[in-house]
Amino acid sequence: DSTMAPAKYAYTQLPDPKQEAQAKDLMATIRCIVCQGQAIIDSDAELAGDMRDLIRTRIKAGETPAQIKAWLIERYG
């Protein structure tokens, strides 16, 4: 287990409801790499929290869910 605090947006929603809805929709479709196929939105794994943070941060910066998903597939397979 890590002693580091969770990433900012691992458990914190975005202030913009539309952006948060986009993030949640995407998180529900991305599977956690360390869990047995569990969606990252439901996983308590540290990596899943990091991925939730990454998705929320990128959506907040203006990326589309499709762009983020393509990046995740390129990076993680």
N, C-alpha and C. Protein backbone atom coordinates (compact mmCIF):
# COMPACT_ATOMS: atom_id res chain seq x y z
N ASP A 1 0.83 -1.19 0.00
CA ASP A 1 0.00 0.00 0.00
C ASP A 1 0.87 1.25 0.00
N SER A 2 0.42 2.24 -0.69
CA SER A 2 1.14 3.50 -0.78
C SER A 2 0.83 4.38 0.44
N THR A 3 1.82 5.17 0.81
CA THR A 3 1.61 6.13 1.89
C THR A 3 1.26 7.50 1.35
N MET A 4 1.22 7.63 0.02
CA MET A 4 0.88 8.91 -0.61
C MET A 4 -0.62 9.15 -0.55
N ALA A 5 -0.99 10.41 -0.44
CA ALA A 5 -2.41 10.77 -0.49
C ALA A 5 -2.96 10.50 -1.88
N PRO A 6 -4.26 10.19 -2.00
CA PRO A 6 -4.84 9.98 -3.33
C PRO A 6 -4.69 11.23 -4.20
N ALA A 7 -4.64 11.01 -5.50
CA ALA A 7 -4.58 12.12 -6.45
C ALA A 7 -5.81 13.02 -6.26
N LYS A 8 -5.68 14.29 -6.61
CA LYS A 8 -6.72 15.29 -6.35
C LYS A 8 -8.11 14.84 -6.79
N TYR A 9 -8.24 14.36 -8.01
CA TYR A 9 -9.56 14.00 -8.54
C TYR A 9 -9.85 12.50 -8.48
N ALA A 10 -9.12 11.77 -7.65
CA ALA A 10 -9.41 10.34 -7.51
C ALA A 10 -10.79 10.13 -6.89
N TYR A 11 -11.12 10.98 -5.92
CA TYR A 11 -12.41 10.86 -5.22
C TYR A 11 -13.19 12.17 -5.20
N THR A 12 -12.70 13.19 -5.88
CA THR A 12 -13.35 14.49 -5.90
C THR A 12 -13.94 14.76 -7.27
N GLN A 13 -15.21 15.11 -7.30
CA GLN A 13 -15.87 15.38 -8.57
C GLN A 13 -15.46 16.73 -9.12
N LEU A 14 -15.58 16.86 -10.45
CA LEU A 14 -15.33 18.14 -11.10
C LEU A 14 -16.45 19.11 -10.75
N PRO A 15 -16.15 20.40 -10.64
CA PRO A 15 -17.19 21.38 -10.31
C PRO A 15 -18.24 21.55 -11.41
N ASP A 16 -17.86 21.30 -12.65
CA ASP A 16 -18.79 21.44 -13.78
C ASP A 16 -19.57 20.12 -13.94
N PRO A 17 -20.90 20.13 -13.72
CA PRO A 17 -21.69 18.89 -13.79
C PRO A 17 -21.60 18.20 -15.15
N LYS A 18 -21.55 18.95 -16.23
CA LYS A 18 -21.45 18.34 -17.57
C LYS A 18 -20.12 17.61 -17.73
N GLN A 19 -19.02 18.24 -17.28
CA GLN A 19 -17.71 17.59 -17.36
C GLN A 19 -17.66 16.35 -16.46
N GLU A 20 -18.24 16.44 -15.27
CA GLU A 20 -18.25 15.29 -14.36
C GLU A 20 -19.05 14.15 -14.96
N ALA A 21 -20.16 14.45 -15.60
CA ALA A 21 -20.96 13.40 -16.25
C ALA A 21 -20.15 12.71 -17.36
N GLN A 22 -19.42 13.49 -18.13
CA GLN A 22 -18.56 12.91 -19.18
C GLN A 22 -17.50 12.01 -18.54
N ALA A 23 -16.89 12.49 -17.46
CA ALA A 23 -15.86 11.72 -16.78
C ALA A 23 -16.42 10.41 -16.25
N LYS A 24 -17.58 10.47 -15.59
CA LYS A 24 -18.18 9.26 -15.03
C LYS A 24 -18.56 8.26 -16.11
N ASP A 25 -19.12 8.76 -17.21
CA ASP A 25 -19.47 7.86 -18.31
C ASP A 25 -18.23 7.13 -18.83
N LEU A 26 -17.12 7.86 -18.98
CA LEU A 26 -15.89 7.24 -19.46
C LEU A 26 -15.31 6.29 -18.42
N MET A 27 -15.32 6.69 -17.15
CA MET A 27 -14.77 5.83 -16.09
C MET A 27 -15.54 4.51 -15.97
N ALA A 28 -16.81 4.54 -16.30
CA ALA A 28 -17.61 3.31 -16.23
C ALA A 28 -17.24 2.32 -17.34
N THR A 29 -16.59 2.81 -18.39
CA THR A 29 -16.22 1.92 -19.51
C THR A 29 -14.77 1.46 -19.46
N ILE A 30 -13.96 2.07 -18.60
CA ILE A 30 -12.54 1.71 -18.51
C ILE A 30 -12.36 0.70 -17.38
N ARG A 31 -11.71 -0.40 -17.69
CA ARG A 31 -11.50 -1.47 -16.71
C ARG A 31 -10.18 -1.26 -15.98
N CYS A 32 -10.19 -1.54 -14.69
CA CYS A 32 -9.00 -1.42 -13.85
C CYS A 32 -7.99 -2.51 -14.24
N ILE A 33 -6.75 -2.11 -14.36
CA ILE A 33 -5.70 -3.05 -14.76
C ILE A 33 -5.38 -4.04 -13.64
N VAL A 34 -5.51 -3.62 -12.38
CA VAL A 34 -5.15 -4.50 -11.27
C VAL A 34 -6.33 -5.28 -10.69
N CYS A 35 -7.54 -4.87 -10.99
CA CYS A 35 -8.73 -5.59 -10.50
C CYS A 35 -9.17 -6.62 -11.54
N GLN A 36 -10.05 -7.47 -11.14
CA GLN A 36 -10.56 -8.50 -12.04
C GLN A 36 -11.64 -7.94 -12.95
N GLY A 37 -11.25 -7.04 -13.85
CA GLY A 37 -12.18 -6.50 -14.82
C GLY A 37 -13.17 -5.49 -14.26
N GLN A 38 -12.94 -4.99 -13.08
CA GLN A 38 -13.83 -4.02 -12.46
C GLN A 38 -13.62 -2.64 -13.10
N ALA A 39 -14.70 -1.91 -13.30
CA ALA A 39 -14.59 -0.57 -13.87
C ALA A 39 -13.86 0.33 -12.87
N ILE A 40 -13.06 1.28 -13.39
CA ILE A 40 -12.29 2.14 -12.49
C ILE A 40 -13.19 3.03 -11.64
N ILE A 41 -14.41 3.26 -12.08
CA ILE A 41 -15.33 4.08 -11.29
C ILE A 41 -15.70 3.38 -9.97
N ASP A 42 -15.63 2.05 -9.95
CA ASP A 42 -16.02 1.26 -8.78
C ASP A 42 -14.83 0.70 -8.00
N SER A 43 -13.64 0.83 -8.54
CA SER A 43 -12.46 0.19 -7.94
C SER A 43 -11.83 1.06 -6.86
N ASP A 44 -11.37 0.40 -5.79
CA ASP A 44 -10.64 1.09 -4.72
C ASP A 44 -9.13 0.98 -4.92
N ALA A 45 -8.68 0.35 -6.00
CA ALA A 45 -7.24 0.22 -6.26
C ALA A 45 -6.62 1.60 -6.46
N GLU A 46 -5.41 1.75 -5.99
CA GLU A 46 -4.71 3.04 -6.12
C GLU A 46 -4.58 3.44 -7.59
N LEU A 47 -4.27 2.49 -8.45
CA LEU A 47 -4.14 2.79 -9.88
C LEU A 47 -5.45 3.29 -10.46
N ALA A 48 -6.56 2.71 -10.03
CA ALA A 48 -7.87 3.16 -10.52
C ALA A 48 -8.12 4.61 -10.09
N GLY A 49 -7.74 4.96 -8.86
CA GLY A 49 -7.87 6.34 -8.40
C GLY A 49 -7.02 7.28 -9.24
N ASP A 50 -5.81 6.84 -9.57
CA ASP A 50 -4.94 7.65 -10.42
C ASP A 50 -5.56 7.84 -11.81
N MET A 51 -6.19 6.80 -12.32
CA MET A 51 -6.81 6.89 -13.64
C MET A 51 -8.05 7.79 -13.60
N ARG A 52 -8.83 7.74 -12.51
CA ARG A 52 -9.96 8.65 -12.37
C ARG A 52 -9.47 10.11 -12.35
N ASP A 53 -8.39 10.34 -11.62
CA ASP A 53 -7.80 11.68 -11.57
C ASP A 53 -7.36 12.12 -12.97
N LEU A 54 -6.70 11.24 -13.67
CA LEU A 54 -6.22 11.56 -15.01
C LEU A 54 -7.38 11.91 -15.94
N ILE A 55 -8.44 11.12 -15.90
CA ILE A 55 -9.60 11.36 -16.75
C ILE A 55 -10.24 12.70 -16.40
N ARG A 56 -10.47 12.94 -15.13
CA ARG A 56 -11.09 14.21 -14.73
C ARG A 56 -10.21 15.41 -15.09
N THR A 57 -8.91 15.29 -14.88
CA THR A 57 -7.98 16.38 -15.19
C THR A 57 -7.99 16.68 -16.68
N ARG A 58 -7.99 15.65 -17.51
CA ARG A 58 -7.97 15.86 -18.96
C ARG A 58 -9.30 16.41 -19.46
N ILE A 59 -10.41 15.95 -18.90
CA ILE A 59 -11.71 16.51 -19.29
C ILE A 59 -11.79 17.97 -18.87
N LYS A 60 -11.32 18.28 -17.68
CA LYS A 60 -11.32 19.67 -17.21
C LYS A 60 -10.49 20.55 -18.14
N ALA A 61 -9.43 19.99 -18.72
CA ALA A 61 -8.56 20.74 -19.62
C ALA A 61 -9.14 20.86 -21.03
N GLY A 62 -10.29 20.21 -21.28
CA GLY A 62 -10.95 20.37 -22.57
C GLY A 62 -10.87 19.19 -23.52
N GLU A 63 -10.22 18.11 -23.11
CA GLU A 63 -10.16 16.93 -23.99
C GLU A 63 -11.51 16.23 -23.99
N THR A 64 -11.80 15.57 -25.09
CA THR A 64 -13.05 14.82 -25.19
C THR A 64 -12.84 13.41 -24.63
N PRO A 65 -13.92 12.75 -24.21
CA PRO A 65 -13.79 11.37 -23.75
C PRO A 65 -13.14 10.47 -24.81
N ALA A 66 -13.46 10.69 -26.09
CA ALA A 66 -12.88 9.87 -27.16
C ALA A 66 -11.37 10.06 -27.23
N GLN A 67 -10.90 11.29 -27.08
CA GLN A 67 -9.46 11.55 -27.09
C GLN A 67 -8.77 10.87 -25.91
N ILE A 68 -9.40 10.94 -24.76
CA ILE A 68 -8.81 10.34 -23.55
C ILE A 68 -8.78 8.83 -23.68
N LYS A 69 -9.87 8.25 -24.16
CA LYS A 69 -9.92 6.79 -24.33
C LYS A 69 -8.85 6.32 -25.32
N ALA A 70 -8.67 7.05 -26.42
CA ALA A 70 -7.64 6.69 -27.40
C ALA A 70 -6.25 6.75 -26.74
N TRP A 71 -6.01 7.77 -25.93
CA TRP A 71 -4.73 7.90 -25.24
C TRP A 71 -4.52 6.74 -24.27
N LEU A 72 -5.56 6.40 -23.51
CA LEU A 72 -5.45 5.29 -22.57
C LEU A 72 -5.17 3.97 -23.28
N ILE A 73 -5.83 3.73 -24.39
CA ILE A 73 -5.62 2.49 -25.16
C ILE A 73 -4.20 2.45 -25.69
N GLU A 74 -3.73 3.59 -26.20
CA GLU A 74 -2.36 3.65 -26.72
C GLU A 74 -1.34 3.39 -25.60
N ARG A 75 -1.62 3.92 -24.43
CA ARG A 75 -0.69 3.80 -23.31
C ARG A 75 -0.77 2.44 -22.60
N TYR A 76 -1.99 1.98 -22.33
CA TYR A 76 -2.17 0.77 -21.52
C TYR A 76 -2.63 -0.47 -22.29
N GLY A 77 -3.08 -0.26 -23.52
CA GLY A 77 -3.53 -1.39 -24.33
C GLY A 77 -4.98 -1.72 -24.14
